[in-house]
Amino acid sequence: MAMVTLHWRWKDSDEHDERKAPYASLDDAQAQADHDLALCVESDDYSSAPVRIENGEGVAVWTAPIPDGR
């Protein structure tokens, strides 16, 4: 798979509630998402959790298993 984008929760203003970064492969983005999500689980703080990975066409190919209400 070609370039993908990893999206995180990132509420830094009224206009922005996410941040994103491009990754060369789904494997690279998935490794980063898994790492970041593990930190969220450990701290019980999902305010900057990874939420999804999108392919080059903007289609979600992975969605984070964030607990309801978190």
PDB file of N, CA and C in Angstrom:
ATOM      1  N   MET A   1       0.853  -1.180   0.000  1.00  0.00           N
ATOM      2  CA  MET A   1       0.000   0.000   0.000  1.00  0.00           C
ATOM      3  C   MET A   1       0.895   1.238   0.000  1.00  0.00           C
ATOM      4  N   ALA A   2       0.463   2.241  -0.683  1.00  0.00           N
ATOM      5  CA  ALA A   2       1.238   3.476  -0.793  1.00  0.00           C
ATOM      6  C   ALA A   2       1.036   4.363   0.427  1.00  0.00           C
ATOM      7  N   MET A   3       1.295   5.612   0.266  1.00  0.00           N
ATOM      8  CA  MET A   3       1.226   6.603   1.339  1.00  0.00           C
ATOM      9  C   MET A   3      -0.114   6.553   2.074  1.00  0.00           C
ATOM     10  N   VAL A   4      -0.048   6.625   3.402  1.00  0.00           N
ATOM     11  CA  VAL A   4      -1.241   6.664   4.250  1.00  0.00           C
ATOM     12  C   VAL A   4      -1.087   7.825   5.221  1.00  0.00           C
ATOM     13  N   THR A   5      -2.186   8.172   5.883  1.00  0.00           N
ATOM     14  CA  THR A   5      -2.170   9.266   6.851  1.00  0.00           C
ATOM     15  C   THR A   5      -2.738   8.769   8.175  1.00  0.00           C
ATOM     16  N   LEU A   6      -1.992   9.009   9.247  1.00  0.00           N
ATOM     17  CA  LEU A   6      -2.442   8.666  10.597  1.00  0.00           C
ATOM     18  C   LEU A   6      -3.033   9.918  11.231  1.00  0.00           C
ATOM     19  N   HIS A   7      -4.228   9.788  11.795  1.00  0.00           N
ATOM     20  CA  HIS A   7      -4.935  10.906  12.429  1.00  0.00           C
ATOM     21  C   HIS A   7      -5.031  10.660  13.928  1.00  0.00           C
ATOM     22  N   TRP A   8      -4.815  11.718  14.710  1.00  0.00           N
ATOM     23  CA  TRP A   8      -4.937  11.665  16.168  1.00  0.00           C
ATOM     24  C   TRP A   8      -5.949  12.703  16.637  1.00  0.00           C
ATOM     25  N   ARG A   9      -6.546  12.469  17.793  1.00  0.00           N
ATOM     26  CA  ARG A   9      -7.306  13.526  18.470  1.00  0.00           C
ATOM     27  C   ARG A   9      -6.299  14.580  18.874  1.00  0.00           C
ATOM     28  N   TRP A  10      -6.650  15.829  18.685  1.00  0.00           N
ATOM     29  CA  TRP A  10      -5.724  16.896  19.054  1.00  0.00           C
ATOM     30  C   TRP A  10      -6.500  18.193  19.136  1.00  0.00           C
ATOM     31  N   LYS A  11      -7.212  18.380  20.216  1.00  0.00           N
ATOM     32  CA  LYS A  11      -8.063  19.567  20.384  1.00  0.00           C
ATOM     33  C   LYS A  11      -7.210  20.735  20.850  1.00  0.00           C
ATOM     34  N   ASP A  12      -6.750  21.555  19.888  1.00  0.00           N
ATOM     35  CA  ASP A  12      -5.917  22.697  20.255  1.00  0.00           C
ATOM     36  C   ASP A  12      -6.594  24.035  19.964  1.00  0.00           C
ATOM     37  N   SER A  13      -7.794  23.978  19.399  1.00  0.00           N
ATOM     38  CA  SER A  13      -8.552  25.203  19.161  1.00  0.00           C
ATOM     39  C   SER A  13      -9.980  24.829  18.781  1.00  0.00           C
ATOM     40  N   ASP A  14     -10.831  25.823  18.599  1.00  0.00           N
ATOM     41  CA  ASP A  14     -12.202  25.557  18.189  1.00  0.00           C
ATOM     42  C   ASP A  14     -12.272  25.044  16.743  1.00  0.00           C
ATOM     43  N   GLU A  15     -11.259  25.368  15.943  1.00  0.00           N
ATOM     44  CA  GLU A  15     -11.241  24.965  14.533  1.00  0.00           C
ATOM     45  C   GLU A  15     -10.557  23.630  14.297  1.00  0.00           C
ATOM     46  N   HIS A  16      -9.689  23.221  15.208  1.00  0.00           N
ATOM     47  CA  HIS A  16      -8.900  22.007  15.003  1.00  0.00           C
ATOM     48  C   HIS A  16      -9.136  21.008  16.131  1.00  0.00           C
ATOM     49  N   ASP A  17      -9.543  19.809  15.762  1.00  0.00           N
ATOM     50  CA  ASP A  17      -9.703  18.768  16.772  1.00  0.00           C
ATOM     51  C   ASP A  17      -8.918  17.507  16.416  1.00  0.00           C
ATOM     52  N   GLU A  18      -8.135  17.584  15.366  1.00  0.00           N
ATOM     53  CA  GLU A  18      -7.280  16.471  14.969  1.00  0.00           C
ATOM     54  C   GLU A  18      -5.960  16.996  14.419  1.00  0.00           C
ATOM     55  N   ARG A  19      -4.974  16.121  14.446  1.00  0.00           N
ATOM     56  CA  ARG A  19      -3.739  16.376  13.718  1.00  0.00           C
ATOM     57  C   ARG A  19      -3.466  15.124  12.908  1.00  0.00           C
ATOM     58  N   LYS A  20      -2.635  15.237  11.905  1.00  0.00           N
ATOM     59  CA  LYS A  20      -2.352  14.093  11.052  1.00  0.00           C
ATOM     60  C   LYS A  20      -0.920  14.151  10.556  1.00  0.00           C
ATOM     61  N   ALA A  21      -0.426  12.989  10.165  1.00  0.00           N
ATOM     62  CA  ALA A  21       0.925  12.893   9.626  1.00  0.00           C
ATOM     63  C   ALA A  21       0.943  11.801   8.564  1.00  0.00           C
ATOM     64  N   PRO A  22       1.677  12.050   7.476  1.00  0.00           N
ATOM     65  CA  PRO A  22       1.784  11.032   6.431  1.00  0.00           C
ATOM     66  C   PRO A  22       2.834   9.976   6.798  1.00  0.00           C
ATOM     67  N   TYR A  23       2.579   8.761   6.370  1.00  0.00           N
ATOM     68  CA  TYR A  23       3.511   7.643   6.550  1.00  0.00           C
ATOM     69  C   TYR A  23       3.691   6.943   5.219  1.00  0.00           C
ATOM     70  N   ALA A  24       4.862   6.403   4.994  1.00  0.00           N
ATOM     71  CA  ALA A  24       5.185   5.755   3.727  1.00  0.00           C
ATOM     72  C   ALA A  24       4.426   4.450   3.523  1.00  0.00           C
ATOM     73  N   SER A  25       4.012   3.819   4.621  1.00  0.00           N
ATOM     74  CA  SER A  25       3.311   2.540   4.486  1.00  0.00           C
ATOM     75  C   SER A  25       2.304   2.362   5.615  1.00  0.00           C
ATOM     76  N   LEU A  26       1.375   1.462   5.387  1.00  0.00           N
ATOM     77  CA  LEU A  26       0.392   1.122   6.413  1.00  0.00           C
ATOM     78  C   LEU A  26       1.089   0.493   7.612  1.00  0.00           C
ATOM     79  N   ASP A  27       2.099  -0.321   7.375  1.00  0.00           N
ATOM     80  CA  ASP A  27       2.834  -0.952   8.481  1.00  0.00           C
ATOM     81  C   ASP A  27       3.475   0.091   9.388  1.00  0.00           C
ATOM     82  N   ASP A  28       4.081   1.113   8.799  1.00  0.00           N
ATOM     83  CA  ASP A  28       4.711   2.174   9.598  1.00  0.00           C
ATOM     84  C   ASP A  28       3.676   2.936  10.423  1.00  0.00           C
ATOM     85  N   ALA A  29       2.577   3.299   9.781  1.00  0.00           N
ATOM     86  CA  ALA A  29       1.519   4.038  10.485  1.00  0.00           C
ATOM     87  C   ALA A  29       0.890   3.172  11.572  1.00  0.00           C
ATOM     88  N   GLN A  30       0.696   1.895  11.277  1.00  0.00           N
ATOM     89  CA  GLN A  30       0.092   0.992  12.262  1.00  0.00           C
ATOM     90  C   GLN A  30       0.992   0.822  13.478  1.00  0.00           C
ATOM     91  N   ALA A  31       2.291   0.729  13.259  1.00  0.00           N
ATOM     92  CA  ALA A  31       3.226   0.606  14.383  1.00  0.00           C
ATOM     93  C   ALA A  31       3.160   1.840  15.276  1.00  0.00           C
ATOM     94  N   GLN A  32       3.104   3.030  14.675  1.00  0.00           N
ATOM     95  CA  GLN A  32       3.012   4.261  15.459  1.00  0.00           C
ATOM     96  C   GLN A  32       1.680   4.331  16.198  1.00  0.00           C
ATOM     97  N   ALA A  33       0.589   3.976  15.516  1.00  0.00           N
ATOM     98  CA  ALA A  33      -0.732   4.005  16.142  1.00  0.00           C
ATOM     99  C   ALA A  33      -0.799   3.032  17.315  1.00  0.00           C
ATOM    100  N   ASP A  34      -0.261   1.831  17.136  1.00  0.00           N
ATOM    101  CA  ASP A  34      -0.271   0.841  18.215  1.00  0.00           C
ATOM    102  C   ASP A  34       0.522   1.340  19.417  1.00  0.00           C
ATOM    103  N   HIS A  35       1.674   1.939  19.157  1.00  0.00           N
ATOM    104  CA  HIS A  35       2.498   2.486  20.239  1.00  0.00           C
ATOM    105  C   HIS A  35       1.750   3.590  20.990  1.00  0.00           C
ATOM    106  N   ASP A  36       1.202   4.545  20.240  1.00  0.00           N
ATOM    107  CA  ASP A  36       0.509   5.677  20.863  1.00  0.00           C
ATOM    108  C   ASP A  36      -0.739   5.219  21.618  1.00  0.00           C
ATOM    109  N   LEU A  37      -1.473   4.272  21.053  1.00  0.00           N
ATOM    110  CA  LEU A  37      -2.674   3.779  21.716  1.00  0.00           C
ATOM    111  C   LEU A  37      -2.314   3.041  23.010  1.00  0.00           C
ATOM    112  N   ALA A  38      -1.210   2.314  23.007  1.00  0.00           N
ATOM    113  CA  ALA A  38      -0.766   1.630  24.230  1.00  0.00           C
ATOM    114  C   ALA A  38      -0.470   2.638  25.337  1.00  0.00           C
ATOM    115  N   LEU A  39       0.117   3.772  24.983  1.00  0.00           N
ATOM    116  CA  LEU A  39       0.374   4.823  25.972  1.00  0.00           C
ATOM    117  C   LEU A  39      -0.934   5.388  26.518  1.00  0.00           C
ATOM    118  N   CYS A  40      -1.931   5.544  25.655  1.00  0.00           N
ATOM    119  CA  CYS A  40      -3.237   6.042  26.090  1.00  0.00           C
ATOM    120  C   CYS A  40      -3.895   5.068  27.053  1.00  0.00           C
ATOM    121  N   VAL A  41      -3.825   3.789  26.730  1.00  0.00           N
ATOM    122  CA  VAL A  41      -4.408   2.759  27.591  1.00  0.00           C
ATOM    123  C   VAL A  41      -3.714   2.762  28.950  1.00  0.00           C
ATOM    124  N   GLU A  42      -2.385   2.816  28.928  1.00  0.00           N
ATOM    125  CA  GLU A  42      -1.608   2.797  30.172  1.00  0.00           C
ATOM    126  C   GLU A  42      -1.932   3.977  31.073  1.00  0.00           C
ATOM    127  N   SER A  43      -2.108   5.153  30.473  1.00  0.00           N
ATOM    128  CA  SER A  43      -2.368   6.362  31.264  1.00  0.00           C
ATOM    129  C   SER A  43      -3.860   6.624  31.481  1.00  0.00           C
ATOM    130  N   ASP A  44      -4.714   5.866  30.787  1.00  0.00           N
ATOM    131  CA  ASP A  44      -6.161   6.077  30.810  1.00  0.00           C
ATOM    132  C   ASP A  44      -6.517   7.501  30.377  1.00  0.00           C
ATOM    133  N   ASP A  45      -5.777   8.010  29.407  1.00  0.00           N
ATOM    134  CA  ASP A  45      -5.996   9.351  28.852  1.00  0.00           C
ATOM    135  C   ASP A  45      -6.023   9.234  27.334  1.00  0.00           C
ATOM    136  N   TYR A  46      -7.199   9.407  26.763  1.00  0.00           N
ATOM    137  CA  TYR A  46      -7.376   9.255  25.320  1.00  0.00           C
ATOM    138  C   TYR A  46      -7.494  10.604  24.610  1.00  0.00           C
ATOM    139  N   SER A  47      -7.095  11.681  25.259  1.00  0.00           N
ATOM    140  CA  SER A  47      -7.268  13.019  24.680  1.00  0.00           C
ATOM    141  C   SER A  47      -6.424  13.238  23.430  1.00  0.00           C
ATOM    142  N   SER A  48      -5.354  12.497  23.272  1.00  0.00           N
ATOM    143  CA  SER A  48      -4.533  12.621  22.056  1.00  0.00           C
ATOM    144  C   SER A  48      -4.332  11.252  21.411  1.00  0.00           C
ATOM    145  N   ALA A  49      -5.361  10.432  21.491  1.00  0.00           N
ATOM    146  CA  ALA A  49      -5.287   9.071  20.949  1.00  0.00           C
ATOM    147  C   ALA A  49      -5.301   9.069  19.421  1.00  0.00           C
ATOM    148  N   PRO A  50      -4.624   8.073  18.831  1.00  0.00           N
ATOM    149  CA  PRO A  50      -4.780   7.894  17.382  1.00  0.00           C
ATOM    150  C   PRO A  50      -6.216   7.432  17.122  1.00  0.00           C
ATOM    151  N   VAL A  51      -6.822   7.932  16.054  1.00  0.00           N
ATOM    152  CA  VAL A  51      -8.215   7.566  15.792  1.00  0.00           C
ATOM    153  C   VAL A  51      -8.413   6.760  14.517  1.00  0.00           C
ATOM    154  N   ARG A  52      -7.594   7.018  13.501  1.00  0.00           N
ATOM    155  CA  ARG A  52      -7.760   6.270  12.257  1.00  0.00           C
ATOM    156  C   ARG A  52      -6.541   6.437  11.358  1.00  0.00           C
ATOM    157  N   ILE A  53      -6.432   5.502  10.429  1.00  0.00           N
ATOM    158  CA  ILE A  53      -5.449   5.587   9.351  1.00  0.00           C
ATOM    159  C   ILE A  53      -6.247   5.611   8.058  1.00  0.00           C
ATOM    160  N   GLU A  54      -5.926   6.575   7.199  1.00  0.00           N
ATOM    161  CA  GLU A  54      -6.610   6.695   5.908  1.00  0.00           C
ATOM    162  C   GLU A  54      -5.630   6.390   4.784  1.00  0.00           C
ATOM    163  N   ASN A  55      -6.141   5.759   3.724  1.00  0.00           N
ATOM    164  CA  ASN A  55      -5.310   5.539   2.550  1.00  0.00           C
ATOM    165  C   ASN A  55      -5.231   6.830   1.731  1.00  0.00           C
ATOM    166  N   GLY A  56      -4.560   6.792   0.619  1.00  0.00           N
ATOM    167  CA  GLY A  56      -4.375   7.980  -0.216  1.00  0.00           C
ATOM    168  C   GLY A  56      -5.652   8.566  -0.770  1.00  0.00           C
ATOM    169  N   GLU A  57      -6.735   7.793  -0.739  1.00  0.00           N
ATOM    170  CA  GLU A  57      -8.028   8.261  -1.236  1.00  0.00           C
ATOM    171  C   GLU A  57      -8.921   8.777  -0.116  1.00  0.00           C
ATOM    172  N   GLY A  58      -8.396   8.808   1.112  1.00  0.00           N
ATOM    173  CA  GLY A  58      -9.172   9.304   2.243  1.00  0.00           C
ATOM    174  C   GLY A  58     -10.110   8.287   2.865  1.00  0.00           C
ATOM    175  N   VAL A  59      -9.939   7.020   2.536  1.00  0.00           N
ATOM    176  CA  VAL A  59     -10.776   5.952   3.082  1.00  0.00           C
ATOM    177  C   VAL A  59     -10.087   5.377   4.325  1.00  0.00           C
ATOM    178  N   ALA A  60     -10.829   5.252   5.413  1.00  0.00           N
ATOM    179  CA  ALA A  60     -10.273   4.699   6.653  1.00  0.00           C
ATOM    180  C   ALA A  60      -9.972   3.217   6.449  1.00  0.00           C
ATOM    181  N   VAL A  61      -8.710   2.837   6.696  1.00  0.00           N
ATOM    182  CA  VAL A  61      -8.300   1.436   6.591  1.00  0.00           C
ATOM    183  C   VAL A  61      -8.040   0.828   7.966  1.00  0.00           C
ATOM    184  N   TRP A  62      -8.067   1.660   8.992  1.00  0.00           N
ATOM    185  CA  TRP A  62      -7.932   1.213  10.378  1.00  0.00           C
ATOM    186  C   TRP A  62      -8.619   2.246  11.250  1.00  0.00           C
ATOM    187  N   THR A  63      -9.343   1.779  12.263  1.00  0.00           N
ATOM    188  CA  THR A  63      -9.994   2.650  13.246  1.00  0.00           C
ATOM    189  C   THR A  63      -9.614   2.165  14.627  1.00  0.00           C
ATOM    190  N   ALA A  64      -9.254   3.091  15.498  1.00  0.00           N
ATOM    191  CA  ALA A  64      -8.798   2.751  16.847  1.00  0.00           C
ATOM    192  C   ALA A  64      -9.925   2.187  17.692  1.00  0.00           C
ATOM    193  N   PRO A  65      -9.623   1.177  18.493  1.00  0.00           N
ATOM    194  CA  PRO A  65     -10.614   0.620  19.409  1.00  0.00           C
ATOM    195  C   PRO A  65     -10.678   1.410  20.715  1.00  0.00           C
ATOM    196  N   ILE A  66     -11.121   2.654  20.617  1.00  0.00           N
ATOM    197  CA  ILE A  66     -11.214   3.526  21.799  1.00  0.00           C
ATOM    198  C   ILE A  66     -12.506   3.193  22.552  1.00  0.00           C
ATOM    199  N   PRO A  67     -12.417   2.991  23.858  1.00  0.00           N
ATOM    200  CA  PRO A  67     -13.623   2.662  24.626  1.00  0.00           C
ATOM    201  C   PRO A  67     -14.691   3.767  24.511  1.00  0.00           C
ATOM    202  N   ASP A  68     -15.952   3.353  24.528  1.00  0.00           N
ATOM    203  CA  ASP A  68     -17.059   4.310  24.468  1.00  0.00           C
ATOM    204  C   ASP A  68     -16.930   5.355  25.567  1.00  0.00           C
ATOM    205  N   GLY A  69     -17.219   6.578  25.215  1.00  0.00           N
ATOM    206  CA  GLY A  69     -17.196   7.669  26.189  1.00  0.00           C
ATOM    207  C   GLY A  69     -15.810   8.177  26.521  1.00  0.00           C
ATOM    208  N   ARG A  70     -14.813   7.677  25.890  1.00  0.00           N
ATOM    209  CA  ARG A  70     -13.437   8.094  26.159  1.00  0.00           C
ATOM    210  C   ARG A  70     -13.018   9.030  25.093  1.00  0.00           C
TER     211      ARG A  70
END
